[in-house]
């Protein structure tokens, strides 16, 4: 049938008339069929995060090169303070996307019937990494402005394609609802596990093709998130940890009412706060393995503190929030610790080091 998307990739409906389907063609029936279909998506949704990483990485090379070559008011565009901030935010968000997605792969590849933690991390690669990709593109687009529409660069295609990835394999809202099922177990019932190593070997991932039943998500246990946060002694990581403690106080002393638990708008903001905690945890676990510098890590958590504060304010302003809940939300709002020297090292030493490193053939 006709192509259902406006693009060269052919995405369409196949209409089969009098097509023979025999018993030999049927893989599963009933619950087993549902489990097989959903478990297939568990794998496929992970790839969407890496698509966002690739799009943003390519766009970043174009944006930094273009901005450095353009002059306004006798200055290079990359000399303006707000442009530096936008590029540093874009760069650190992109580093976070890669670092988290790589660590999530370790848990996915080491999974078993006894260790299904990947069922939290996998939808986060799909949901969190892809939405972060949109923010990375928006930061850079605010810098390069009209250049982002021109057809002689790849950026215009990136700016359109990046919007699709959070909306495929289930929307962000669906994945937030899924992630929220793990919140109580994650915070209040940690379990001891052996450390999961970096899994970059060429082994056969048998379990991913035999994941078993898809039920029982709320019973999945996680390792103690505090270990990752306590392993790093940096000011902004400590400030973010204080925000997490306020969130735990909210859940323990001002938990959502029955009506709030059925209010998806309320849960969406709460889920975003939870997502940031998990996101930061796996990034801290993987940062030393990926060679992420302390300067970049501190700048990255500067971004997280701002994001956490914004989500807390959004939750505070929900129509159904109680007085006690609003007090906890206000205690979650924090200001990152500024360090202009650190910011300069990240900008000059890491962001600007990407200048002229890659260019697409015309």
Protein backbone atom coordinates (compact mmCIF):
# COMPACT_ATOMS: atom_id res chain seq x y z
CA UNK A 1 0.00 0.00 0.00
CA UNK A 2 1.04 3.66 -0.12
CA UNK A 3 4.02 4.95 1.84
CA UNK A 4 2.75 6.30 5.16
CA UNK A 5 5.73 8.56 5.90
CA UNK A 6 7.00 11.58 4.03
CA UNK A 7 10.43 10.24 3.14
CA UNK A 8 12.42 7.90 0.97
CA UNK A 9 12.32 5.05 3.45
CA UNK A 10 9.37 2.87 2.53
CA UNK A 11 7.07 2.49 5.54
CA UNK A 12 3.73 1.09 4.51
CA UNK A 13 0.92 -1.35 5.10
CA UNK A 14 0.91 -4.73 3.41
CA UNK A 15 -2.55 -5.98 2.50
CA UNK A 16 -2.68 -9.75 2.02
CA UNK A 17 -5.65 -11.20 0.11
CA UNK A 18 -6.20 -14.96 0.17
CA UNK A 19 -2.65 -15.43 1.42
CA UNK A 20 -2.20 -18.96 2.80
CA UNK A 21 -1.21 -19.11 6.48
CA UNK A 22 -0.47 -22.61 7.68
CA UNK A 23 0.13 -23.95 11.15
CA UNK A 24 3.84 -24.08 10.35
CA UNK A 25 3.85 -20.28 9.97
CA UNK A 26 2.57 -19.62 13.51
CA UNK A 27 5.34 -19.19 16.09
CA UNK A 28 3.26 -18.61 19.24
CA UNK A 29 -0.32 -18.25 20.42
CA UNK A 30 -1.96 -16.46 23.34
CA UNK A 31 0.26 -15.27 26.20
CA UNK A 32 3.40 -16.67 24.57
CA UNK A 33 2.68 -14.64 21.44
CA UNK A 34 2.29 -11.48 23.53
CA UNK A 35 5.53 -12.18 25.41
CA UNK A 36 7.45 -12.81 22.19
CA UNK A 37 6.18 -9.58 20.63
CA UNK A 38 6.88 -7.41 23.69
CA UNK A 39 10.30 -8.96 24.28
CA UNK A 40 11.20 -8.19 20.68
CA UNK A 41 10.41 -4.54 21.36
CA UNK A 42 12.57 -4.70 24.51
CA UNK A 43 15.54 -5.17 22.18
CA UNK A 44 14.47 -2.94 19.30
CA UNK A 45 13.67 0.15 21.39
CA UNK A 46 17.26 0.21 22.66
CA UNK A 47 18.53 0.95 19.14
CA UNK A 48 16.53 4.18 18.95
CA UNK A 49 18.76 5.73 21.60
CA UNK A 50 21.86 5.04 19.54
CA UNK A 51 20.18 6.49 16.47
CA UNK A 52 19.81 9.72 18.46
CA UNK A 53 23.46 9.56 19.51
CA UNK A 54 24.59 9.23 15.90
CA UNK A 55 22.36 12.05 14.66
CA UNK A 56 23.51 14.42 17.41
CA UNK A 57 27.18 13.57 16.97
CA UNK A 58 27.06 14.31 13.25
CA UNK A 59 25.11 17.53 13.83
CA UNK A 60 27.58 18.64 16.52
CA UNK A 61 30.53 18.53 14.12
CA UNK A 62 28.64 20.67 11.62
CA UNK A 63 27.39 23.14 14.20
CA UNK A 64 30.72 23.81 15.92
CA UNK A 65 32.50 24.26 12.58
CA UNK A 66 29.87 26.62 11.20
CA UNK A 67 29.69 28.72 14.36
CA UNK A 68 33.45 29.11 14.58
CA UNK A 69 33.64 30.38 10.99
CA UNK A 70 30.84 32.93 11.34
CA UNK A 71 31.55 36.45 12.67
CA UNK A 72 29.13 38.93 14.26
CA UNK A 73 30.02 42.31 15.82
CA UNK A 74 33.70 41.60 15.02
CA UNK A 75 33.60 38.42 17.10
CA UNK A 76 33.46 34.76 16.23
CA UNK A 77 30.06 33.33 17.15
CA UNK A 78 31.86 30.86 19.41
CA UNK A 79 33.17 33.77 21.49
CA UNK A 80 29.72 34.77 22.79
CA UNK A 81 29.05 33.61 26.39
CA UNK A 82 25.56 32.28 25.65
CA UNK A 83 26.89 30.30 22.68
CA UNK A 84 29.57 28.75 24.88
CA UNK A 85 26.88 27.73 27.37
CA UNK A 86 24.73 26.19 24.64
CA UNK A 87 27.63 24.20 23.22
CA UNK A 88 28.79 23.01 26.64
CA UNK A 89 25.25 21.92 27.52
CA UNK A 90 24.89 20.14 24.17
CA UNK A 91 28.29 18.46 24.52
CA UNK A 92 27.77 17.23 28.08
CA UNK A 93 24.25 15.99 27.32
CA UNK A 94 25.68 14.05 24.38
CA UNK A 95 28.43 12.57 26.55
CA UNK A 96 25.75 11.51 29.03
CA UNK A 97 23.67 9.90 26.27
CA UNK A 98 26.61 7.78 25.13
CA UNK A 99 27.83 6.89 28.61
CA UNK A 100 24.38 5.79 29.81
CA UNK A 101 23.52 3.80 26.67
CA UNK A 102 26.83 1.93 26.80
CA UNK A 103 26.27 0.96 30.45
CA UNK A 104 22.67 -0.08 29.76
CA UNK A 105 24.06 -2.46 27.13
CA UNK A 106 26.15 -4.19 29.81
CA UNK A 107 23.04 -4.95 31.86
CA UNK A 108 21.10 -6.06 28.81
CA UNK A 109 23.83 -8.44 27.62
CA UNK A 110 24.43 -9.91 31.10
CA UNK A 111 20.72 -10.37 31.85
CA UNK A 112 19.12 -13.63 32.97
CA UNK A 113 15.84 -14.84 34.41
CA UNK A 114 17.26 -13.93 37.84
CA UNK A 115 18.55 -10.49 36.79
CA UNK A 116 16.12 -8.45 34.71
CA UNK A 117 17.35 -4.98 35.65
CA UNK A 118 17.69 -4.23 31.95
CA UNK A 119 13.91 -3.84 31.81
CA UNK A 120 14.36 -0.48 33.57
CA UNK A 121 17.49 0.63 31.73
CA UNK A 122 16.31 -0.42 28.25
CA UNK A 123 13.20 1.80 28.07
CA UNK A 124 15.32 4.61 29.48
CA UNK A 125 17.67 4.37 26.50
CA UNK A 126 14.59 4.63 24.31
CA UNK A 127 12.86 7.38 26.29
CA UNK A 128 15.55 9.43 28.04
CA UNK A 129 18.36 9.24 25.51
CA UNK A 130 16.07 10.10 22.59
CA UNK A 131 14.48 13.08 24.36
CA UNK A 132 17.94 14.28 25.36
CA UNK A 133 18.82 14.09 21.68
CA UNK A 134 16.08 16.61 20.94
CA UNK A 135 17.55 18.97 23.54
CA UNK A 136 21.04 18.61 22.09
CA UNK A 137 19.77 19.52 18.62
CA UNK A 138 17.77 22.46 20.01
CA UNK A 139 20.86 23.86 21.77
CA UNK A 140 22.89 23.76 18.58
CA UNK A 141 20.06 25.07 16.42
CA UNK A 142 19.81 28.13 18.66
CA UNK A 143 23.45 28.77 17.76
CA UNK A 144 23.52 28.13 14.02
CA UNK A 145 20.03 29.57 13.45
CA UNK A 146 19.13 29.84 9.74
CA UNK A 147 21.97 27.51 8.73
CA UNK A 148 19.95 24.70 10.25
CA UNK A 149 17.39 25.01 7.44
CA UNK A 150 19.78 24.97 4.51
CA UNK A 151 19.97 21.97 2.19
CA UNK A 152 23.77 21.93 1.80
CA UNK A 153 24.24 20.63 5.34
CA UNK A 154 23.09 17.51 7.13
CA UNK A 155 21.73 19.46 10.10
CA UNK A 156 18.32 20.19 8.55
CA UNK A 157 17.69 16.47 8.19
CA UNK A 158 18.95 15.83 11.73
CA UNK A 159 16.57 18.44 13.14
CA UNK A 160 13.59 16.65 11.61
CA UNK A 161 14.62 13.03 12.17
CA UNK A 162 15.54 13.54 15.83
CA UNK A 163 11.86 14.29 16.58
CA UNK A 164 10.73 10.84 15.46
CA UNK A 165 12.86 8.72 17.77
CA UNK A 166 11.10 9.48 21.11
CA UNK A 167 7.81 8.72 19.39
CA UNK A 168 8.65 5.30 17.93
CA UNK A 169 8.25 1.94 19.74
CA UNK A 170 5.81 3.57 22.16
CA UNK A 171 5.74 7.23 23.14
CA UNK A 172 7.69 8.82 25.99
CA UNK A 173 4.51 8.72 28.09
CA UNK A 174 4.19 4.94 27.69
CA UNK A 175 7.80 4.40 28.74
CA UNK A 176 7.47 6.75 31.74
CA UNK A 177 4.52 4.65 32.91
CA UNK A 178 6.63 1.53 32.51
CA UNK A 179 9.61 3.01 34.36
CA UNK A 180 7.43 4.18 37.27
CA UNK A 181 6.64 0.53 38.09
CA UNK A 182 10.22 0.08 39.30
CA UNK A 183 10.38 3.11 41.61
CA UNK A 184 9.53 1.50 44.96
CA UNK A 185 11.83 -1.48 44.43
CA UNK A 186 14.67 0.72 43.18
CA UNK A 187 14.68 3.09 46.15
CA UNK A 188 13.49 0.95 49.04
CA UNK A 189 14.44 -2.70 48.39
CA UNK A 190 18.01 -2.93 47.07
CA UNK A 191 19.57 -6.32 46.43
CA UNK A 192 23.20 -7.45 46.29
CA UNK A 193 24.49 -8.37 42.84
CA UNK A 194 27.93 -9.15 41.52
CA UNK A 195 29.40 -6.22 39.59
CA UNK A 196 28.45 -6.25 35.92
CA UNK A 197 31.59 -5.78 33.80
CA UNK A 198 31.87 -3.98 30.48
CA UNK A 199 30.28 -6.34 27.97
CA UNK A 200 31.89 -5.64 24.60
CA UNK A 201 32.82 -9.19 23.61
CA UNK A 202 31.43 -11.03 20.59
CA UNK A 203 29.52 -13.59 22.66
CA UNK A 204 26.07 -14.88 21.77
CA UNK A 205 23.32 -13.15 23.79
CA UNK A 206 21.03 -16.17 24.16
CA UNK A 207 18.82 -14.70 26.88
CA UNK A 208 17.68 -11.79 24.72
CA UNK A 209 15.96 -14.30 22.44
CA UNK A 210 14.37 -16.18 25.31
CA UNK A 211 13.38 -13.49 27.81
CA UNK A 212 10.43 -15.40 29.21
CA UNK A 213 7.22 -13.88 30.66
CA UNK A 214 6.79 -10.12 30.54
CA UNK A 215 4.92 -9.87 33.85
CA UNK A 216 6.22 -9.23 37.35
CA UNK A 217 8.02 -5.96 36.66
CA UNK A 218 7.35 -4.52 40.12
CA UNK A 219 9.15 -7.51 41.69
CA UNK A 220 12.44 -6.87 39.89
CA UNK A 221 15.18 -5.86 42.36
CA UNK A 222 18.08 -3.47 41.77
CA UNK A 223 21.52 -2.94 43.25
CA UNK A 224 21.96 -0.06 45.70
CA UNK A 225 22.00 3.20 43.74
CA UNK A 226 23.87 4.94 46.57
CA UNK A 227 27.12 3.12 45.79
CA UNK A 228 27.56 4.92 42.49
CA UNK A 229 26.80 8.35 43.97
CA UNK A 230 29.00 7.77 47.03
CA UNK A 231 31.93 6.74 44.82
CA UNK A 232 32.35 10.27 43.44
CA UNK A 233 33.31 13.28 45.55
CA UNK A 234 32.43 16.27 43.36
CA UNK A 235 30.39 19.32 44.45
CA UNK A 236 27.61 19.04 41.88
CA UNK A 237 27.30 15.28 42.35
CA UNK A 238 26.88 15.91 46.09
CA UNK A 239 24.27 18.60 45.40
CA UNK A 240 22.38 16.24 43.11
CA UNK A 241 22.49 13.55 45.80
CA UNK A 242 20.84 16.02 48.18
CA UNK A 243 18.05 16.48 45.65
CA UNK A 244 17.60 12.71 45.46
CA UNK A 245 17.30 12.53 49.26
CA UNK A 246 14.48 15.08 49.05
CA UNK A 247 12.74 12.95 46.43
CA UNK A 248 12.99 9.90 48.70
CA UNK A 249 11.50 11.98 51.53
CA UNK A 250 8.64 12.89 49.18
CA UNK A 251 7.99 9.21 48.38
CA UNK A 252 8.26 8.09 52.01
CA UNK A 253 6.26 10.86 53.70
CA UNK A 254 4.08 12.40 50.98
CA UNK A 255 3.51 9.51 48.57
CA UNK A 256 1.02 10.07 45.74
CA UNK A 257 -2.59 9.46 46.71
CA UNK A 258 -4.74 6.89 44.91
CA UNK A 259 -6.14 9.62 42.67
CA UNK A 260 -2.66 10.98 41.93
CA UNK A 261 -1.47 7.48 41.04
CA UNK A 262 -4.15 7.43 38.36
CA UNK A 263 -3.28 10.94 37.15
CA UNK A 264 -0.82 10.47 34.31
CA UNK A 265 0.06 14.15 34.21
CA UNK A 266 1.15 13.99 37.86
CA UNK A 267 3.06 10.73 37.40
CA UNK A 268 4.86 12.05 34.34
CA UNK A 269 6.66 14.72 36.37
CA UNK A 270 7.39 12.29 39.20
CA UNK A 271 8.69 9.77 36.68
CA UNK A 272 11.03 12.36 35.19
CA UNK A 273 12.61 12.89 38.63
CA UNK A 274 13.07 9.15 39.07
CA UNK A 275 14.51 8.84 35.57
CA UNK A 276 17.19 11.42 36.32
CA UNK A 277 18.33 9.44 39.38
CA UNK A 278 18.77 6.23 37.38
CA UNK A 279 20.35 8.12 34.50
CA UNK A 280 22.94 9.66 36.80
CA UNK A 281 23.65 6.35 38.53
CA UNK A 282 24.63 4.43 35.40
CA UNK A 283 26.63 7.39 34.10
CA UNK A 284 28.63 7.47 37.34
CA UNK A 285 29.21 3.72 37.08
CA UNK A 286 30.47 4.02 33.52
CA UNK A 287 32.31 7.35 33.55
CA UNK A 288 35.66 5.90 34.70
CA UNK A 289 35.39 3.08 32.15
CA UNK A 290 34.71 5.56 29.35
CA UNK A 291 37.37 8.07 30.33
CA UNK A 292 34.93 10.87 31.18
CA UNK A 293 36.91 13.60 32.94
CA UNK A 294 35.93 15.00 36.34
CA UNK A 295 35.45 18.40 34.69
CA UNK A 296 32.95 16.97 32.23
CA UNK A 297 31.23 14.95 34.95
CA UNK A 298 30.84 18.03 37.15
CA UNK A 299 29.50 20.06 34.23
CA UNK A 300 27.15 17.23 33.33
CA UNK A 301 25.69 17.20 36.85
CA UNK A 302 25.32 20.97 36.63
CA UNK A 303 22.86 20.19 33.82
CA UNK A 304 21.17 17.44 35.85
CA UNK A 305 20.64 19.73 38.85
CA UNK A 306 18.90 22.25 36.62
CA UNK A 307 16.77 19.54 35.00
CA UNK A 308 15.83 18.06 38.38
CA UNK A 309 14.88 21.49 39.71
CA UNK A 310 12.68 22.16 36.67
CA UNK A 311 10.89 18.81 37.05
CA UNK A 312 10.41 19.41 40.79
CA UNK A 313 8.88 22.82 40.11
CA UNK A 314 6.58 21.26 37.53
CA UNK A 315 5.45 18.66 40.09
CA UNK A 316 4.98 21.41 42.68
CA UNK A 317 2.60 23.23 40.34
CA UNK A 318 0.35 20.26 39.57
CA UNK A 319 -3.27 21.04 40.52
CA UNK A 320 -3.53 18.06 42.86
CA UNK A 321 -0.23 18.52 44.76
CA UNK A 322 -0.72 18.73 48.52
CA UNK A 323 0.93 21.25 50.84
CA UNK A 324 3.38 18.64 52.15
CA UNK A 325 4.22 17.53 48.63
CA UNK A 326 4.86 21.11 47.59
CA UNK A 327 7.24 21.59 50.52
CA UNK A 328 9.25 18.55 49.44
CA UNK A 329 9.26 19.78 45.85
CA UNK A 330 10.69 23.12 46.93
CA UNK A 331 13.45 21.32 48.84
CA UNK A 332 14.40 19.55 45.58
CA UNK A 333 15.19 22.83 43.84
CA UNK A 334 18.89 23.62 43.90
CA UNK A 335 21.46 25.77 42.14
CA UNK A 336 24.54 24.12 40.64
CA UNK A 337 27.93 25.17 41.94
CA UNK A 338 29.47 27.41 39.30
CA UNK A 339 33.12 27.12 38.40
CA UNK A 340 34.17 29.36 35.51
CA UNK A 341 37.63 27.80 35.29
CA UNK A 342 36.15 24.32 35.00
CA UNK A 343 33.65 25.57 32.43
CA UNK A 344 36.52 27.07 30.41
CA UNK A 345 38.48 23.82 30.48
CA UNK A 346 35.50 21.86 29.18
CA UNK A 347 34.77 24.41 26.48
CA UNK A 348 38.31 24.98 25.25
CA UNK A 349 39.73 21.54 25.93
CA UNK A 350 36.82 19.30 24.89
CA UNK A 351 34.16 21.18 22.93
CA UNK A 352 36.50 23.21 20.75
CA UNK A 353 38.76 20.18 20.22
CA UNK A 354 36.04 18.85 17.92
CA UNK A 355 36.43 21.79 15.54
CA UNK A 356 37.29 20.68 11.99
CA UNK A 357 37.59 17.05 13.12
CA UNK A 358 34.94 15.83 10.69
CA UNK A 359 33.13 17.19 7.64
CA UNK A 360 30.68 15.49 5.32
CA UNK A 361 31.66 15.33 1.65
CA UNK A 362 29.74 17.95 -0.36
